Amino acid sequence: MPNPKRRHTRARRDTRRAQNWKLAIVSSAKCPNCGAIRRPHYICPACGYYKDRVVLPKKEKKAAAPAQAK
């Protein structure tokens, strides 16, 4: 079994180890309904559509009720 004759520097060791931690770029697609950018095979976060049907209805903000005095 071969053994190293000299010690590798920390920089050389860490450079080798850093190659395993690269992040993959997430792919994106256009929503056919609203045109927003979304991930493929996911519900559109802008309109809630998936494959030409509503999966999540769009939430609407309710008007704030006036504060009542005691």
N, C-alpha and C. Protein backbone atom coordinates (compact mmCIF):
# COMPACT_ATOMS: atom_id res chain seq x y z
N MET A 1 0.85 -1.18 0.00
CA MET A 1 0.00 0.00 0.00
C MET A 1 0.89 1.23 0.00
N PRO A 2 0.73 2.13 -0.97
CA PRO A 2 1.58 3.31 -1.02
C PRO A 2 1.23 4.31 0.07
N ASN A 3 2.24 4.91 0.60
CA ASN A 3 2.09 5.95 1.62
C ASN A 3 2.67 7.25 1.10
N PRO A 4 2.12 8.39 1.54
CA PRO A 4 2.68 9.67 1.08
C PRO A 4 4.07 9.90 1.63
N LYS A 5 4.96 10.42 0.76
CA LYS A 5 6.33 10.68 1.21
C LYS A 5 6.42 12.02 1.92
N ARG A 6 5.59 12.97 1.52
CA ARG A 6 5.60 14.30 2.12
C ARG A 6 4.18 14.68 2.56
N ARG A 7 4.14 15.59 3.49
CA ARG A 7 2.85 16.05 4.00
C ARG A 7 2.24 17.06 3.02
N HIS A 8 0.93 16.93 2.77
CA HIS A 8 0.23 17.90 1.93
C HIS A 8 -0.13 19.11 2.77
N THR A 9 -0.08 20.27 2.16
CA THR A 9 -0.42 21.50 2.89
C THR A 9 -1.93 21.56 3.14
N ARG A 10 -2.31 22.42 4.08
CA ARG A 10 -3.74 22.60 4.38
C ARG A 10 -4.49 23.13 3.17
N ALA A 11 -3.85 24.04 2.43
CA ALA A 11 -4.50 24.61 1.26
C ALA A 11 -4.77 23.54 0.20
N ARG A 12 -3.82 22.66 -0.02
CA ARG A 12 -4.00 21.61 -1.00
C ARG A 12 -5.09 20.63 -0.57
N ARG A 13 -5.10 20.30 0.70
CA ARG A 13 -6.12 19.40 1.24
C ARG A 13 -7.51 20.03 1.14
N ASP A 14 -7.63 21.30 1.54
CA ASP A 14 -8.92 21.95 1.55
C ASP A 14 -9.44 22.22 0.14
N THR A 15 -8.54 22.47 -0.80
CA THR A 15 -8.95 22.67 -2.19
C THR A 15 -9.54 21.39 -2.74
N ARG A 16 -8.97 20.27 -2.41
CA ARG A 16 -9.48 18.99 -2.87
C ARG A 16 -10.86 18.71 -2.26
N ARG A 17 -11.01 19.00 -0.98
CA ARG A 17 -12.28 18.73 -0.30
C ARG A 17 -13.39 19.68 -0.74
N ALA A 18 -13.04 20.87 -1.18
CA ALA A 18 -14.05 21.87 -1.55
C ALA A 18 -14.81 21.47 -2.81
N GLN A 19 -14.27 20.59 -3.63
CA GLN A 19 -14.92 20.22 -4.89
C GLN A 19 -16.20 19.44 -4.68
N ASN A 20 -16.39 18.83 -3.52
CA ASN A 20 -17.58 18.02 -3.27
C ASN A 20 -18.77 18.83 -2.80
N TRP A 21 -18.60 20.11 -2.52
CA TRP A 21 -19.65 20.91 -1.92
C TRP A 21 -20.23 21.95 -2.87
N LYS A 22 -20.07 21.77 -4.16
CA LYS A 22 -20.64 22.71 -5.12
C LYS A 22 -22.15 22.55 -5.15
N LEU A 23 -22.88 23.66 -5.18
CA LEU A 23 -24.33 23.62 -5.23
C LEU A 23 -24.80 23.57 -6.68
N ALA A 24 -25.84 22.80 -6.90
CA ALA A 24 -26.40 22.70 -8.24
C ALA A 24 -27.35 23.88 -8.48
N ILE A 25 -27.38 24.38 -9.70
CA ILE A 25 -28.26 25.48 -10.05
C ILE A 25 -29.68 24.92 -10.25
N VAL A 26 -30.63 25.55 -9.60
CA VAL A 26 -32.02 25.10 -9.70
C VAL A 26 -32.59 25.57 -11.02
N SER A 27 -33.22 24.65 -11.75
CA SER A 27 -33.80 25.02 -13.04
C SER A 27 -35.09 25.80 -12.82
N SER A 28 -35.49 26.56 -13.81
CA SER A 28 -36.70 27.36 -13.71
C SER A 28 -37.45 27.29 -15.03
N ALA A 29 -38.76 27.56 -14.93
CA ALA A 29 -39.62 27.56 -16.11
C ALA A 29 -40.64 28.68 -15.96
N LYS A 30 -41.27 29.05 -17.08
CA LYS A 30 -42.30 30.08 -17.05
C LYS A 30 -43.65 29.43 -16.78
N CYS A 31 -44.45 30.10 -15.97
CA CYS A 31 -45.82 29.64 -15.71
C CYS A 31 -46.65 29.90 -16.97
N PRO A 32 -47.36 28.89 -17.49
CA PRO A 32 -48.16 29.12 -18.70
C PRO A 32 -49.37 30.02 -18.44
N ASN A 33 -49.78 30.14 -17.19
CA ASN A 33 -50.97 30.93 -16.86
C ASN A 33 -50.62 32.42 -16.70
N CYS A 34 -49.63 32.72 -15.82
CA CYS A 34 -49.34 34.13 -15.52
C CYS A 34 -47.99 34.60 -16.04
N GLY A 35 -47.11 33.69 -16.43
CA GLY A 35 -45.81 34.07 -16.98
C GLY A 35 -44.73 34.28 -15.94
N ALA A 36 -45.02 34.02 -14.66
CA ALA A 36 -44.03 34.19 -13.61
C ALA A 36 -43.01 33.04 -13.66
N ILE A 37 -41.83 33.28 -13.12
CA ILE A 37 -40.80 32.24 -13.07
C ILE A 37 -41.11 31.30 -11.91
N ARG A 38 -41.09 30.01 -12.18
CA ARG A 38 -41.34 29.00 -11.16
C ARG A 38 -40.49 27.78 -11.44
N ARG A 39 -40.42 26.87 -10.48
CA ARG A 39 -39.69 25.62 -10.69
C ARG A 39 -40.56 24.65 -11.47
N PRO A 40 -39.96 23.83 -12.35
CA PRO A 40 -40.77 22.88 -13.11
C PRO A 40 -41.40 21.83 -12.19
N HIS A 41 -42.62 21.43 -12.51
CA HIS A 41 -43.39 20.43 -11.76
C HIS A 41 -43.74 20.90 -10.35
N TYR A 42 -43.84 22.21 -10.16
CA TYR A 42 -44.24 22.80 -8.88
C TYR A 42 -45.42 23.74 -9.12
N ILE A 43 -46.18 23.98 -8.06
CA ILE A 43 -47.28 24.94 -8.13
C ILE A 43 -46.68 26.34 -8.27
N CYS A 44 -47.30 27.17 -9.11
CA CYS A 44 -46.83 28.54 -9.31
C CYS A 44 -47.11 29.33 -8.03
N PRO A 45 -46.08 29.96 -7.42
CA PRO A 45 -46.31 30.72 -6.20
C PRO A 45 -47.08 32.02 -6.44
N ALA A 46 -47.09 32.51 -7.68
CA ALA A 46 -47.77 33.77 -7.97
C ALA A 46 -49.28 33.59 -8.14
N CYS A 47 -49.68 32.56 -8.90
CA CYS A 47 -51.11 32.41 -9.20
C CYS A 47 -51.73 31.15 -8.62
N GLY A 48 -50.93 30.16 -8.20
CA GLY A 48 -51.46 28.94 -7.60
C GLY A 48 -51.90 27.89 -8.61
N TYR A 49 -51.53 28.05 -9.88
CA TYR A 49 -51.91 27.09 -10.90
C TYR A 49 -50.87 25.99 -11.04
N TYR A 50 -51.35 24.80 -11.44
CA TYR A 50 -50.48 23.69 -11.81
C TYR A 50 -51.19 22.91 -12.90
N LYS A 51 -50.58 22.77 -14.05
CA LYS A 51 -51.14 22.07 -15.20
C LYS A 51 -52.54 22.58 -15.55
N ASP A 52 -52.66 23.88 -15.74
CA ASP A 52 -53.88 24.54 -16.21
C ASP A 52 -55.09 24.38 -15.28
N ARG A 53 -54.85 24.22 -13.98
CA ARG A 53 -55.96 24.23 -13.03
C ARG A 53 -55.51 24.85 -11.72
N VAL A 54 -56.45 25.40 -10.97
CA VAL A 54 -56.13 26.05 -9.71
C VAL A 54 -55.94 24.99 -8.64
N VAL A 55 -54.78 24.99 -8.00
CA VAL A 55 -54.51 24.07 -6.92
C VAL A 55 -54.61 24.80 -5.59
N LEU A 56 -54.01 25.96 -5.52
CA LEU A 56 -54.09 26.82 -4.33
C LEU A 56 -54.75 28.13 -4.73
N PRO A 57 -55.92 28.42 -4.17
CA PRO A 57 -56.53 29.71 -4.50
C PRO A 57 -55.69 30.84 -3.95
N LYS A 58 -55.65 31.94 -4.70
CA LYS A 58 -54.82 33.08 -4.31
C LYS A 58 -55.41 33.73 -3.07
N LYS A 59 -54.57 33.99 -2.08
CA LYS A 59 -55.02 34.60 -0.84
C LYS A 59 -55.16 36.10 -1.02
N GLU A 60 -56.24 36.64 -0.50
CA GLU A 60 -56.46 38.08 -0.55
C GLU A 60 -56.33 38.65 0.85
N LYS A 61 -55.73 39.82 0.93
CA LYS A 61 -55.56 40.47 2.23
C LYS A 61 -56.89 41.06 2.69
N LYS A 62 -57.21 40.82 3.96
CA LYS A 62 -58.43 41.38 4.52
C LYS A 62 -58.15 42.77 5.07
N ALA A 63 -59.15 43.62 5.02
CA ALA A 63 -59.01 44.97 5.55
C ALA A 63 -58.92 44.90 7.08
N ALA A 64 -58.04 45.69 7.66
CA ALA A 64 -57.87 45.68 9.10
C ALA A 64 -59.08 46.33 9.77
N ALA A 65 -59.58 45.69 10.82
CA ALA A 65 -60.73 46.21 11.55
C ALA A 65 -60.28 47.38 12.43
N PRO A 66 -61.08 48.43 12.55
CA PRO A 66 -60.68 49.56 13.40
C PRO A 66 -60.62 49.14 14.87
N ALA A 67 -59.70 49.72 15.61
CA ALA A 67 -59.53 49.40 17.03
C ALA A 67 -60.70 49.97 17.82
N GLN A 68 -61.21 49.17 18.73
CA GLN A 68 -62.34 49.62 19.56
C GLN A 68 -61.82 50.13 20.89
N ALA A 69 -62.37 51.24 21.36
CA ALA A 69 -61.97 51.82 22.66
C ALA A 69 -62.75 51.14 23.77
N LYS A 70 -62.10 50.92 24.89
CA LYS A 70 -62.77 50.28 26.03
C LYS A 70 -63.34 51.27 26.97
